[in-house]
PDB file of all heavy atoms in Angstrom:
ATOM      1  N   TYR A   1       9.282   9.012  -2.118  1.00  0.00           N
ATOM      2  CA  TYR A   1       8.512  10.119  -1.582  1.00  0.00           C
ATOM      3  C   TYR A   1       8.764  11.417  -2.342  1.00  0.00           C
ATOM      4  O   TYR A   1       7.873  12.264  -2.478  1.00  0.00           O
ATOM      5  CB  TYR A   1       8.811  10.306  -0.098  1.00  0.00           C
ATOM      6  CG  TYR A   1       8.134   9.273   0.779  1.00  0.00           C
ATOM      7  CD1 TYR A   1       8.759   8.786   1.917  1.00  0.00           C
ATOM      8  CD2 TYR A   1       6.860   8.809   0.483  1.00  0.00           C
ATOM      9  CE1 TYR A   1       8.130   7.847   2.733  1.00  0.00           C
ATOM     10  CE2 TYR A   1       6.232   7.878   1.272  1.00  0.00           C
ATOM     11  CZ  TYR A   1       6.870   7.401   2.406  1.00  0.00           C
ATOM     12  OH  TYR A   1       6.243   6.475   3.204  1.00  0.00           O
ATOM     13  N   ASN A   2       9.973  11.600  -2.845  1.00  0.00           N
ATOM     14  CA  ASN A   2      10.244  12.778  -3.672  1.00  0.00           C
ATOM     15  C   ASN A   2       9.518  12.662  -5.008  1.00  0.00           C
ATOM     16  O   ASN A   2       9.004  13.639  -5.542  1.00  0.00           O
ATOM     17  CB  ASN A   2      11.754  12.937  -3.893  1.00  0.00           C
ATOM     18  CG  ASN A   2      12.446  13.506  -2.680  1.00  0.00           C
ATOM     19  OD1 ASN A   2      11.897  14.341  -1.975  1.00  0.00           O
ATOM     20  ND2 ASN A   2      13.643  13.040  -2.401  1.00  0.00           N
ATOM     21  N   GLN A   3       9.484  11.449  -5.564  1.00  0.00           N
ATOM     22  CA  GLN A   3       8.748  11.224  -6.800  1.00  0.00           C
ATOM     23  C   GLN A   3       7.256  11.456  -6.578  1.00  0.00           C
ATOM     24  O   GLN A   3       6.572  12.048  -7.422  1.00  0.00           O
ATOM     25  CB  GLN A   3       8.977   9.795  -7.303  1.00  0.00           C
ATOM     26  CG  GLN A   3       8.297   9.504  -8.633  1.00  0.00           C
ATOM     27  CD  GLN A   3       8.471   8.054  -9.068  1.00  0.00           C
ATOM     28  OE1 GLN A   3       8.832   7.200  -8.253  1.00  0.00           O
ATOM     29  NE2 GLN A   3       8.230   7.785 -10.325  1.00  0.00           N
ATOM     30  N   LEU A   4       6.748  11.006  -5.428  1.00  0.00           N
ATOM     31  CA  LEU A   4       5.336  11.182  -5.104  1.00  0.00           C
ATOM     32  C   LEU A   4       4.969  12.667  -5.081  1.00  0.00           C
ATOM     33  O   LEU A   4       3.916  13.068  -5.579  1.00  0.00           O
ATOM     34  CB  LEU A   4       5.038  10.543  -3.738  1.00  0.00           C
ATOM     35  CG  LEU A   4       3.575  10.445  -3.308  1.00  0.00           C
ATOM     36  CD1 LEU A   4       2.812   9.481  -4.212  1.00  0.00           C
ATOM     37  CD2 LEU A   4       3.477   9.999  -1.853  1.00  0.00           C
ATOM     38  N   ALA A   5       5.867  13.486  -4.534  1.00  0.00           N
ATOM     39  CA  ALA A   5       5.592  14.921  -4.420  1.00  0.00           C
ATOM     40  C   ALA A   5       5.816  15.641  -5.744  1.00  0.00           C
ATOM     41  O   ALA A   5       4.969  16.429  -6.191  1.00  0.00           O
ATOM     42  CB  ALA A   5       6.463  15.526  -3.328  1.00  0.00           C
ATOM     43  N   ARG A   6       6.952  15.394  -6.390  1.00  0.00           N
ATOM     44  CA  ARG A   6       7.337  16.160  -7.575  1.00  0.00           C
ATOM     45  C   ARG A   6       6.622  15.697  -8.841  1.00  0.00           C
ATOM     46  O   ARG A   6       6.125  16.505  -9.611  1.00  0.00           O
ATOM     47  CB  ARG A   6       8.853  16.065  -7.790  1.00  0.00           C
ATOM     48  CG  ARG A   6       9.682  16.784  -6.736  1.00  0.00           C
ATOM     49  CD  ARG A   6      11.154  16.503  -6.920  1.00  0.00           C
ATOM     50  NE  ARG A   6      11.664  17.015  -8.174  1.00  0.00           N
ATOM     51  CZ  ARG A   6      12.222  18.221  -8.320  1.00  0.00           C
ATOM     52  NH1 ARG A   6      12.341  19.018  -7.277  1.00  0.00           N
ATOM     53  NH2 ARG A   6      12.674  18.621  -9.490  1.00  0.00           N
ATOM     54  N   GLN A   7       6.571  14.399  -9.049  1.00  0.00           N
ATOM     55  CA  GLN A   7       6.007  13.879 -10.295  1.00  0.00           C
ATOM     56  C   GLN A   7       4.507  13.654 -10.217  1.00  0.00           C
ATOM     57  O   GLN A   7       3.777  13.920 -11.168  1.00  0.00           O
ATOM     58  CB  GLN A   7       6.705  12.565 -10.660  1.00  0.00           C
ATOM     59  CG  GLN A   7       6.239  11.981 -11.987  1.00  0.00           C
ATOM     60  CD  GLN A   7       7.016  10.727 -12.347  1.00  0.00           C
ATOM     61  OE1 GLN A   7       8.122  10.503 -11.861  1.00  0.00           O
ATOM     62  NE2 GLN A   7       6.429   9.893 -13.174  1.00  0.00           N
ATOM     63  N   PHE A   8       4.034  13.165  -9.058  1.00  0.00           N
ATOM     64  CA  PHE A   8       2.621  12.841  -8.934  1.00  0.00           C
ATOM     65  C   PHE A   8       1.813  13.948  -8.272  1.00  0.00           C
ATOM     66  O   PHE A   8       0.586  13.859  -8.211  1.00  0.00           O
ATOM     67  CB  PHE A   8       2.447  11.542  -8.134  1.00  0.00           C
ATOM     68  CG  PHE A   8       3.081  10.342  -8.792  1.00  0.00           C
ATOM     69  CD1 PHE A   8       3.608   9.322  -8.025  1.00  0.00           C
ATOM     70  CD2 PHE A   8       3.158  10.242 -10.164  1.00  0.00           C
ATOM     71  CE1 PHE A   8       4.193   8.207  -8.614  1.00  0.00           C
ATOM     72  CE2 PHE A   8       3.745   9.141 -10.767  1.00  0.00           C
ATOM     73  CZ  PHE A   8       4.259   8.121  -9.997  1.00  0.00           C
ATOM     74  N   GLY A   9       2.475  14.981  -7.740  1.00  0.00           N
ATOM     75  CA  GLY A   9       1.749  16.079  -7.110  1.00  0.00           C
ATOM     76  C   GLY A   9       1.032  15.679  -5.846  1.00  0.00           C
ATOM     77  O   GLY A   9      -0.059  16.175  -5.558  1.00  0.00           O
ATOM     78  N   ALA A  10       1.635  14.741  -5.089  1.00  0.00           N
ATOM     79  CA  ALA A  10       1.006  14.268  -3.856  1.00  0.00           C
ATOM     80  C   ALA A  10       1.981  14.436  -2.690  1.00  0.00           C
ATOM     81  O   ALA A  10       2.591  13.491  -2.212  1.00  0.00           O
ATOM     82  CB  ALA A  10       0.587  12.803  -3.985  1.00  0.00           C
ATOM     83  N   ALA A  11       2.138  15.682  -2.252  1.00  0.00           N
ATOM     84  CA  ALA A  11       3.049  15.979  -1.154  1.00  0.00           C
ATOM     85  C   ALA A  11       2.322  15.876   0.180  1.00  0.00           C
ATOM     86  O   ALA A  11       1.091  15.813   0.230  1.00  0.00           O
ATOM     87  CB  ALA A  11       3.637  17.376  -1.336  1.00  0.00           C
ATOM     88  N   GLY A  12       3.106  15.882   1.264  1.00  0.00           N
ATOM     89  CA  GLY A  12       2.524  15.883   2.604  1.00  0.00           C
ATOM     90  C   GLY A  12       2.857  14.629   3.374  1.00  0.00           C
ATOM     91  O   GLY A  12       2.946  13.539   2.810  1.00  0.00           O
ATOM     92  N   ASP A  13       3.028  14.762   4.704  1.00  0.00           N
ATOM     93  CA  ASP A  13       3.423  13.616   5.506  1.00  0.00           C
ATOM     94  C   ASP A  13       2.323  12.568   5.613  1.00  0.00           C
ATOM     95  O   ASP A  13       2.606  11.366   5.699  1.00  0.00           O
ATOM     96  CB  ASP A  13       3.905  14.048   6.899  1.00  0.00           C
ATOM     97  CG  ASP A  13       2.919  14.960   7.632  1.00  0.00           C
ATOM     98  OD1 ASP A  13       1.764  15.089   7.180  1.00  0.00           O
ATOM     99  OD2 ASP A  13       3.327  15.542   8.646  1.00  0.00           O
ATOM    100  N   PHE A  14       1.042  12.997   5.573  1.00  0.00           N
ATOM    101  CA  PHE A  14       0.002  11.971   5.661  1.00  0.00           C
ATOM    102  C   PHE A  14      -0.183  11.245   4.332  1.00  0.00           C
ATOM    103  O   PHE A  14      -0.623  10.098   4.312  1.00  0.00           O
ATOM    104  CB  PHE A  14      -1.328  12.569   6.126  1.00  0.00           C
ATOM    105  CG  PHE A  14      -2.268  11.540   6.705  1.00  0.00           C
ATOM    106  CD1 PHE A  14      -1.892  10.781   7.803  1.00  0.00           C
ATOM    107  CD2 PHE A  14      -3.514  11.325   6.146  1.00  0.00           C
ATOM    108  CE1 PHE A  14      -2.735   9.808   8.332  1.00  0.00           C
ATOM    109  CE2 PHE A  14      -4.375  10.368   6.668  1.00  0.00           C
ATOM    110  CZ  PHE A  14      -3.981   9.601   7.771  1.00  0.00           C
ATOM    111  N   ALA A  15       0.170  11.897   3.239  1.00  0.00           N
ATOM    112  CA  ALA A  15       0.211  11.191   1.952  1.00  0.00           C
ATOM    113  C   ALA A  15       1.284  10.106   2.016  1.00  0.00           C
ATOM    114  O   ALA A  15       1.085   8.986   1.520  1.00  0.00           O
ATOM    115  CB  ALA A  15       0.512  12.169   0.819  1.00  0.00           C
ATOM    116  N   GLN A  16       2.420  10.424   2.623  1.00  0.00           N
ATOM    117  CA  GLN A  16       3.495   9.446   2.784  1.00  0.00           C
ATOM    118  C   GLN A  16       3.080   8.331   3.728  1.00  0.00           C
ATOM    119  O   GLN A  16       3.387   7.157   3.503  1.00  0.00           O
ATOM    120  CB  GLN A  16       4.747  10.148   3.294  1.00  0.00           C
ATOM    121  CG  GLN A  16       5.299  11.198   2.338  1.00  0.00           C
ATOM    122  CD  GLN A  16       6.409  12.037   2.948  1.00  0.00           C
ATOM    123  OE1 GLN A  16       6.678  11.952   4.139  1.00  0.00           O
ATOM    124  NE2 GLN A  16       7.058  12.858   2.133  1.00  0.00           N
ATOM    125  N   ALA A  17       2.368   8.696   4.796  1.00  0.00           N
ATOM    126  CA  ALA A  17       1.898   7.691   5.743  1.00  0.00           C
ATOM    127  C   ALA A  17       0.899   6.739   5.076  1.00  0.00           C
ATOM    128  O   ALA A  17       0.880   5.535   5.362  1.00  0.00           O
ATOM    129  CB  ALA A  17       1.262   8.369   6.948  1.00  0.00           C
ATOM    130  N   TYR A  18       0.067   7.281   4.185  1.00  0.00           N
ATOM    131  CA  TYR A  18      -0.911   6.461   3.459  1.00  0.00           C
ATOM    132  C   TYR A  18      -0.218   5.351   2.675  1.00  0.00           C
ATOM    133  O   TYR A  18      -0.707   4.220   2.618  1.00  0.00           O
ATOM    134  CB  TYR A  18      -1.744   7.356   2.530  1.00  0.00           C
ATOM    135  CG  TYR A  18      -2.347   6.664   1.337  1.00  0.00           C
ATOM    136  CD1 TYR A  18      -3.390   5.758   1.476  1.00  0.00           C
ATOM    137  CD2 TYR A  18      -1.854   6.911   0.048  1.00  0.00           C
ATOM    138  CE1 TYR A  18      -3.943   5.125   0.373  1.00  0.00           C
ATOM    139  CE2 TYR A  18      -2.395   6.284  -1.059  1.00  0.00           C
ATOM    140  CZ  TYR A  18      -3.445   5.387  -0.900  1.00  0.00           C
ATOM    141  OH  TYR A  18      -3.976   4.762  -1.994  1.00  0.00           O
ATOM    142  N   VAL A  19       0.919   5.663   2.076  1.00  0.00           N
ATOM    143  CA  VAL A  19       1.671   4.662   1.300  1.00  0.00           C
ATOM    144  C   VAL A  19       2.059   3.481   2.187  1.00  0.00           C
ATOM    145  O   VAL A  19       1.899   2.319   1.805  1.00  0.00           O
ATOM    146  CB  VAL A  19       2.928   5.304   0.671  1.00  0.00           C
ATOM    147  CG1 VAL A  19       3.810   4.238   0.026  1.00  0.00           C
ATOM    148  CG2 VAL A  19       2.530   6.360  -0.360  1.00  0.00           C
ATOM    149  N   ILE A  20       2.568   3.777   3.378  1.00  0.00           N
ATOM    150  CA  ILE A  20       2.958   2.712   4.296  1.00  0.00           C
ATOM    151  C   ILE A  20       1.726   1.949   4.775  1.00  0.00           C
ATOM    152  O   ILE A  20       1.713   0.710   4.810  1.00  0.00           O
ATOM    153  CB  ILE A  20       3.708   3.302   5.503  1.00  0.00           C
ATOM    154  CG1 ILE A  20       5.002   3.976   5.030  1.00  0.00           C
ATOM    155  CG2 ILE A  20       4.014   2.223   6.540  1.00  0.00           C
ATOM    156  CD1 ILE A  20       5.719   4.745   6.108  1.00  0.00           C
ATOM    157  N   ALA A  21       0.672   2.682   5.135  1.00  0.00           N
ATOM    158  CA  ALA A  21      -0.549   2.047   5.637  1.00  0.00           C
ATOM    159  C   ALA A  21      -1.172   1.136   4.590  1.00  0.00           C
ATOM    160  O   ALA A  21      -1.757   0.098   4.931  1.00  0.00           O
ATOM    161  CB  ALA A  21      -1.546   3.115   6.074  1.00  0.00           C
ATOM    162  N   HIS A  22      -1.073   1.500   3.314  1.00  0.00           N
ATOM    163  CA  HIS A  22      -1.593   0.655   2.240  1.00  0.00           C
ATOM    164  C   HIS A  22      -0.829  -0.666   2.181  1.00  0.00           C
ATOM    165  O   HIS A  22      -1.443  -1.740   2.053  1.00  0.00           O
ATOM    166  CB  HIS A  22      -1.489   1.390   0.900  1.00  0.00           C
ATOM    167  CG  HIS A  22      -1.847   0.537  -0.279  1.00  0.00           C
ATOM    168  ND1 HIS A  22      -3.141   0.421  -0.761  1.00  0.00           N
ATOM    169  CD2 HIS A  22      -1.073  -0.251  -1.093  1.00  0.00           C
ATOM    170  CE1 HIS A  22      -3.154  -0.408  -1.796  1.00  0.00           C
ATOM    171  NE2 HIS A  22      -1.908  -0.824  -2.023  1.00  0.00           N
ATOM    172  N   GLU A  23       0.509  -0.608   2.268  1.00  0.00           N
ATOM    173  CA  GLU A  23       1.287  -1.841   2.225  1.00  0.00           C
ATOM    174  C   GLU A  23       1.047  -2.695   3.467  1.00  0.00           C
ATOM    175  O   GLU A  23       1.014  -3.921   3.392  1.00  0.00           O
ATOM    176  CB  GLU A  23       2.773  -1.523   2.079  1.00  0.00           C
ATOM    177  CG  GLU A  23       3.141  -0.744   0.813  1.00  0.00           C
ATOM    178  CD  GLU A  23       2.661  -1.397  -0.472  1.00  0.00           C
ATOM    179  OE1 GLU A  23       2.525  -2.643  -0.494  1.00  0.00           O
ATOM    180  OE2 GLU A  23       2.401  -0.673  -1.450  1.00  0.00           O
ATOM    181  N   VAL A  24       0.861  -2.046   4.612  1.00  0.00           N
ATOM    182  CA  VAL A  24       0.485  -2.788   5.817  1.00  0.00           C
ATOM    183  C   VAL A  24      -0.885  -3.434   5.619  1.00  0.00           C
ATOM    184  O   VAL A  24      -1.139  -4.539   6.105  1.00  0.00           O
ATOM    185  CB  VAL A  24       0.479  -1.862   7.048  1.00  0.00           C
ATOM    186  CG1 VAL A  24      -0.110  -2.576   8.261  1.00  0.00           C
ATOM    187  CG2 VAL A  24       1.897  -1.395   7.369  1.00  0.00           C
ATOM    188  N   GLY A  25      -1.746  -2.755   4.876  1.00  0.00           N
ATOM    189  CA  GLY A  25      -3.052  -3.335   4.546  1.00  0.00           C
ATOM    190  C   GLY A  25      -2.901  -4.655   3.808  1.00  0.00           C
ATOM    191  O   GLY A  25      -3.672  -5.598   4.035  1.00  0.00           O
ATOM    192  N   HIS A  26      -1.916  -4.734   2.923  1.00  0.00           N
ATOM    193  CA  HIS A  26      -1.652  -6.011   2.234  1.00  0.00           C
ATOM    194  C   HIS A  26      -1.184  -7.068   3.224  1.00  0.00           C
ATOM    195  O   HIS A  26      -1.515  -8.250   3.090  1.00  0.00           O
ATOM    196  CB  HIS A  26      -0.597  -5.809   1.151  1.00  0.00           C
ATOM    197  CG  HIS A  26      -1.107  -5.153  -0.088  1.00  0.00           C
ATOM    198  ND1 HIS A  26      -2.288  -5.538  -0.705  1.00  0.00           N
ATOM    199  CD2 HIS A  26      -0.612  -4.128  -0.839  1.00  0.00           C
ATOM    200  CE1 HIS A  26      -2.488  -4.790  -1.784  1.00  0.00           C
ATOM    201  NE2 HIS A  26      -1.497  -3.931  -1.881  1.00  0.00           N
ATOM    202  N   HIS A  27      -0.398  -6.648   4.221  1.00  0.00           N
ATOM    203  CA  HIS A  27       0.052  -7.599   5.240  1.00  0.00           C
ATOM    204  C   HIS A  27      -1.149  -8.152   6.009  1.00  0.00           C
ATOM    205  O   HIS A  27      -1.222  -9.353   6.285  1.00  0.00           O
ATOM    206  CB  HIS A  27       1.025  -6.902   6.192  1.00  0.00           C
ATOM    207  CG  HIS A  27       1.476  -7.766   7.320  1.00  0.00           C
ATOM    208  ND1 HIS A  27       2.221  -8.919   7.125  1.00  0.00           N
ATOM    209  CD2 HIS A  27       1.288  -7.667   8.666  1.00  0.00           C
ATOM    210  CE1 HIS A  27       2.489  -9.484   8.296  1.00  0.00           C
ATOM    211  NE2 HIS A  27       1.917  -8.746   9.242  1.00  0.00           N
ATOM    212  N   VAL A  28      -2.087  -7.276   6.343  1.00  0.00           N
ATOM    213  CA  VAL A  28      -3.304  -7.716   7.028  1.00  0.00           C
ATOM    214  C   VAL A  28      -4.051  -8.716   6.144  1.00  0.00           C
ATOM    215  O   VAL A  28      -4.530  -9.757   6.619  1.00  0.00           O
ATOM    216  CB  VAL A  28      -4.198  -6.511   7.376  1.00  0.00           C
ATOM    217  CG1 VAL A  28      -5.545  -6.965   7.917  1.00  0.00           C
ATOM    218  CG2 VAL A  28      -3.499  -5.616   8.396  1.00  0.00           C
ATOM    219  N   GLN A  29      -4.151  -8.420   4.847  1.00  0.00           N
ATOM    220  CA  GLN A  29      -4.799  -9.353   3.924  1.00  0.00           C
ATOM    221  C   GLN A  29      -4.098 -10.701   3.922  1.00  0.00           C
ATOM    222  O   GLN A  29      -4.743 -11.752   3.814  1.00  0.00           O
ATOM    223  CB  GLN A  29      -4.785  -8.766   2.511  1.00  0.00           C
ATOM    224  CG  GLN A  29      -5.712  -7.588   2.302  1.00  0.00           C
ATOM    225  CD  GLN A  29      -5.585  -7.018   0.897  1.00  0.00           C
ATOM    226  OE1 GLN A  29      -4.471  -6.809   0.389  1.00  0.00           O
ATOM    227  NE2 GLN A  29      -6.709  -6.750   0.252  1.00  0.00           N
ATOM    228  N   ASN A  30      -2.789 -10.672   4.032  1.00  0.00           N
ATOM    229  CA  ASN A  30      -2.025 -11.917   4.049  1.00  0.00           C
ATOM    230  C   ASN A  30      -2.350 -12.723   5.298  1.00  0.00           C
ATOM    231  O   ASN A  30      -2.522 -13.953   5.247  1.00  0.00           O
ATOM    232  CB  ASN A  30      -0.526 -11.606   3.985  1.00  0.00           C
ATOM    233  CG  ASN A  30       0.313 -12.789   3.560  1.00  0.00           C
ATOM    234  OD1 ASN A  30      -0.142 -13.657   2.813  1.00  0.00           O
ATOM    235  ND2 ASN A  30       1.537 -12.863   4.043  1.00  0.00           N
ATOM    236  N   LEU A  31      -2.454 -12.027   6.429  1.00  0.00           N
ATOM    237  CA  LEU A  31      -2.723 -12.709   7.695  1.00  0.00           C
ATOM    238  C   LEU A  31      -4.123 -13.298   7.754  1.00  0.00           C
ATOM    239  O   LEU A  31      -4.332 -14.369   8.343  1.00  0.00           O
ATOM    240  CB  LEU A  31      -2.527 -11.739   8.859  1.00  0.00           C
ATOM    241  CG  LEU A  31      -1.113 -11.177   9.079  1.00  0.00           C
ATOM    242  CD1 LEU A  31      -1.105 -10.248  10.294  1.00  0.00           C
ATOM    243  CD2 LEU A  31      -0.101 -12.300   9.268  1.00  0.00           C
ATOM    244  N   ILE A  32      -5.109 -12.641   7.143  1.00  0.00           N
ATOM    245  CA  ILE A  32      -6.488 -13.122   7.221  1.00  0.00           C
ATOM    246  C   ILE A  32      -6.851 -14.035   6.047  1.00  0.00           C
ATOM    247  O   ILE A  32      -7.994 -14.499   5.946  1.00  0.00           O
ATOM    248  CB  ILE A  32      -7.492 -11.958   7.300  1.00  0.00           C
ATOM    249  CG1 ILE A  32      -7.464 -11.103   6.037  1.00  0.00           C
ATOM    250  CG2 ILE A  32      -7.184 -11.098   8.532  1.00  0.00           C
ATOM    251  CD1 ILE A  32      -8.474  -9.942   6.057  1.00  0.00           C
ATOM    252  N   GLY A  33      -5.882 -14.296   5.166  1.00  0.00           N
ATOM    253  CA  GLY A  33      -6.082 -15.283   4.106  1.00  0.00           C
ATOM    254  C   GLY A  33      -6.505 -14.749   2.757  1.00  0.00           C
ATOM    255  O   GLY A  33      -6.675 -15.527   1.814  1.00  0.00           O
ATOM    256  N   VAL A  34      -6.656 -13.443   2.612  1.00  0.00           N
ATOM    257  CA  VAL A  34      -7.095 -12.873   1.338  1.00  0.00           C
ATOM    258  C   VAL A  34      -6.030 -13.051   0.268  1.00  0.00           C
ATOM    259  O   VAL A  34      -6.315 -13.497  -0.849  1.00  0.00           O
ATOM    260  CB  VAL A  34      -7.449 -11.386   1.497  1.00  0.00           C
ATOM    261  CG1 VAL A  34      -7.710 -10.733   0.127  1.00  0.00           C
ATOM    262  CG2 VAL A  34      -8.677 -11.219   2.386  1.00  0.00           C
ATOM    263  N   LEU A  35      -4.789 -12.691   0.567  1.00  0.00           N
ATOM    264  CA  LEU A  35      -3.726 -12.794  -0.434  1.00  0.00           C
ATOM    265  C   LEU A  35      -3.438 -14.247  -0.838  1.00  0.00           C
ATOM    266  O   LEU A  35      -3.289 -14.527  -2.032  1.00  0.00           O
ATOM    267  CB  LEU A  35      -2.443 -12.127   0.072  1.00  0.00           C
ATOM    268  CG  LEU A  35      -2.403 -10.600   0.056  1.00  0.00           C
ATOM    269  CD1 LEU A  35      -1.000 -10.103   0.371  1.00  0.00           C
ATOM    270  CD2 LEU A  35      -2.865 -10.044  -1.284  1.00  0.00           C
ATOM    271  N   PRO A  36      -3.334 -15.182   0.120  1.00  0.00           N
ATOM    272  CA  PRO A  36      -3.109 -16.573  -0.299  1.00  0.00           C
ATOM    273  C   PRO A  36      -4.202 -17.096  -1.232  1.00  0.00           C
ATOM    274  O   PRO A  36      -3.909 -17.797  -2.201  1.00  0.00           O
ATOM    275  CB  PRO A  36      -3.091 -17.336   1.033  1.00  0.00           C
ATOM    276  CG  PRO A  36      -2.637 -16.328   2.038  1.00  0.00           C
ATOM    277  CD  PRO A  36      -3.270 -15.036   1.581  1.00  0.00           C
ATOM    278  N   LYS A  37      -5.445 -16.747  -0.934  1.00  0.00           N
ATOM    279  CA  LYS A  37      -6.549 -17.203  -1.787  1.00  0.00           C
ATOM    280  C   LYS A  37      -6.462 -16.586  -3.169  1.00  0.00           C
ATOM    281  O   LYS A  37      -6.661 -17.269  -4.188  1.00  0.00           O
ATOM    282  CB  LYS A  37      -7.884 -16.854  -1.126  1.00  0.00           C
ATOM    283  CG  LYS A  37      -9.093 -17.356  -1.909  1.00  0.00           C
ATOM    284  CD  LYS A  37     -10.385 -17.058  -1.172  1.00  0.00           C
ATOM    285  CE  LYS A  37     -11.594 -17.590  -1.951  1.00  0.00           C
ATOM    286  NZ  LYS A  37     -12.878 -17.309  -1.236  1.00  0.00           N
ATOM    287  N   PHE A  38      -6.133 -15.277  -3.222  1.00  0.00           N
ATOM    288  CA  PHE A  38      -6.018 -14.607  -4.518  1.00  0.00           C
ATOM    289  C   PHE A  38      -4.884 -15.211  -5.341  1.00  0.00           C
ATOM    290  O   PHE A  38      -5.040 -15.474  -6.539  1.00  0.00           O
ATOM    291  CB  PHE A  38      -5.785 -13.118  -4.316  1.00  0.00           C
ATOM    292  CG  PHE A  38      -5.401 -12.375  -5.570  1.00  0.00           C
ATOM    293  CD1 PHE A  38      -6.219 -12.388  -6.692  1.00  0.00           C
ATOM    294  CD2 PHE A  38      -4.214 -11.669  -5.644  1.00  0.00           C
ATOM    295  CE1 PHE A  38      -5.870 -11.711  -7.855  1.00  0.00           C
ATOM    296  CE2 PHE A  38      -3.848 -10.987  -6.791  1.00  0.00           C
ATOM    297  CZ  PHE A  38      -4.683 -11.016  -7.899  1.00  0.00           C
ATOM    298  N   ASN A  39      -3.747 -15.442  -4.722  1.00  0.00           N
ATOM    299  CA  ASN A  39      -2.608 -16.003  -5.451  1.00  0.00           C
ATOM    300  C   ASN A  39      -2.898 -17.413  -5.947  1.00  0.00           C
ATOM    301  O   ASN A  39      -2.416 -17.819  -7.010  1.00  0.00           O
ATOM    302  CB  ASN A  39      -1.371 -16.013  -4.545  1.00  0.00           C
ATOM    303  CG  ASN A  39      -0.820 -14.613  -4.322  1.00  0.00           C
ATOM    304  OD1 ASN A  39      -0.919 -13.756  -5.193  1.00  0.00           O
ATOM    305  ND2 ASN A  39      -0.264 -14.365  -3.146  1.00  0.00           N
ATOM    306  N   GLN A  40      -3.713 -18.146  -5.202  1.00  0.00           N
ATOM    307  CA  GLN A  40      -4.102 -19.486  -5.642  1.00  0.00           C
ATOM    308  C   GLN A  40      -5.048 -19.422  -6.837  1.00  0.00           C
ATOM    309  O   GLN A  40      -4.920 -20.189  -7.794  1.00  0.00           O
ATOM    310  CB  GLN A  40      -4.767 -20.241  -4.489  1.00  0.00           C
ATOM    311  CG  GLN A  40      -5.177 -21.673  -4.832  1.00  0.00           C
ATOM    312  CD  GLN A  40      -5.872 -22.360  -3.668  1.00  0.00           C
ATOM    313  OE1 GLN A  40      -6.342 -21.710  -2.729  1.00  0.00           O
ATOM    314  NE2 GLN A  40      -5.947 -23.676  -3.715  1.00  0.00           N
ATOM    315  N   MET A  41      -5.991 -18.496  -6.797  1.00  0.00           N
ATOM    316  CA  MET A  41      -6.981 -18.362  -7.867  1.00  0.00           C
ATOM    317  C   MET A  41      -6.373 -17.778  -9.129  1.00  0.00           C
ATOM    318  O   MET A  41      -6.798 -18.112 -10.242  1.00  0.00           O
ATOM    319  CB  MET A  41      -8.134 -17.478  -7.389  1.00  0.00           C
ATOM    320  CG  MET A  41      -8.954 -18.049  -6.267  1.00  0.00           C
ATOM    321  SD  MET A  41     -10.147 -16.825  -5.614  1.00  0.00           S
ATOM    322  CE  MET A  41     -11.069 -16.415  -7.101  1.00  0.00           C
ATOM    323  N   ARG A  42      -5.378 -16.912  -8.968  1.00  0.00           N
ATOM    324  CA  ARG A  42      -4.842 -16.186 -10.105  1.00  0.00           C
ATOM    325  C   ARG A  42      -4.241 -17.097 -11.173  1.00  0.00           C
ATOM    326  O   ARG A  42      -4.296 -16.787 -12.367  1.00  0.00           O
ATOM    327  CB  ARG A  42      -3.785 -15.184  -9.625  1.00  0.00           C
ATOM    328  CG  ARG A  42      -3.164 -14.353 -10.725  1.00  0.00           C
ATOM    329  CD  ARG A  42      -2.467 -13.131 -10.180  1.00  0.00           C
ATOM    330  NE  ARG A  42      -1.549 -13.433  -9.092  1.00  0.00           N
ATOM    331  CZ  ARG A  42      -0.872 -12.504  -8.422  1.00  0.00           C
ATOM    332  NH1 ARG A  42      -1.041 -11.224  -8.719  1.00  0.00           N
ATOM    333  NH2 ARG A  42      -0.055 -12.839  -7.448  1.00  0.00           N
TER     334      ARG A  42
END
């Protein structure tokens, strides 16, 4: 989060929340079968 603010210029608590929500988005993809299918095709 310090790197996100200092190096990438993306400060703020909702910017930090977005990072977590994005990774949770991958979890949702895993549950609905998107990630398994992608890993099989890759």
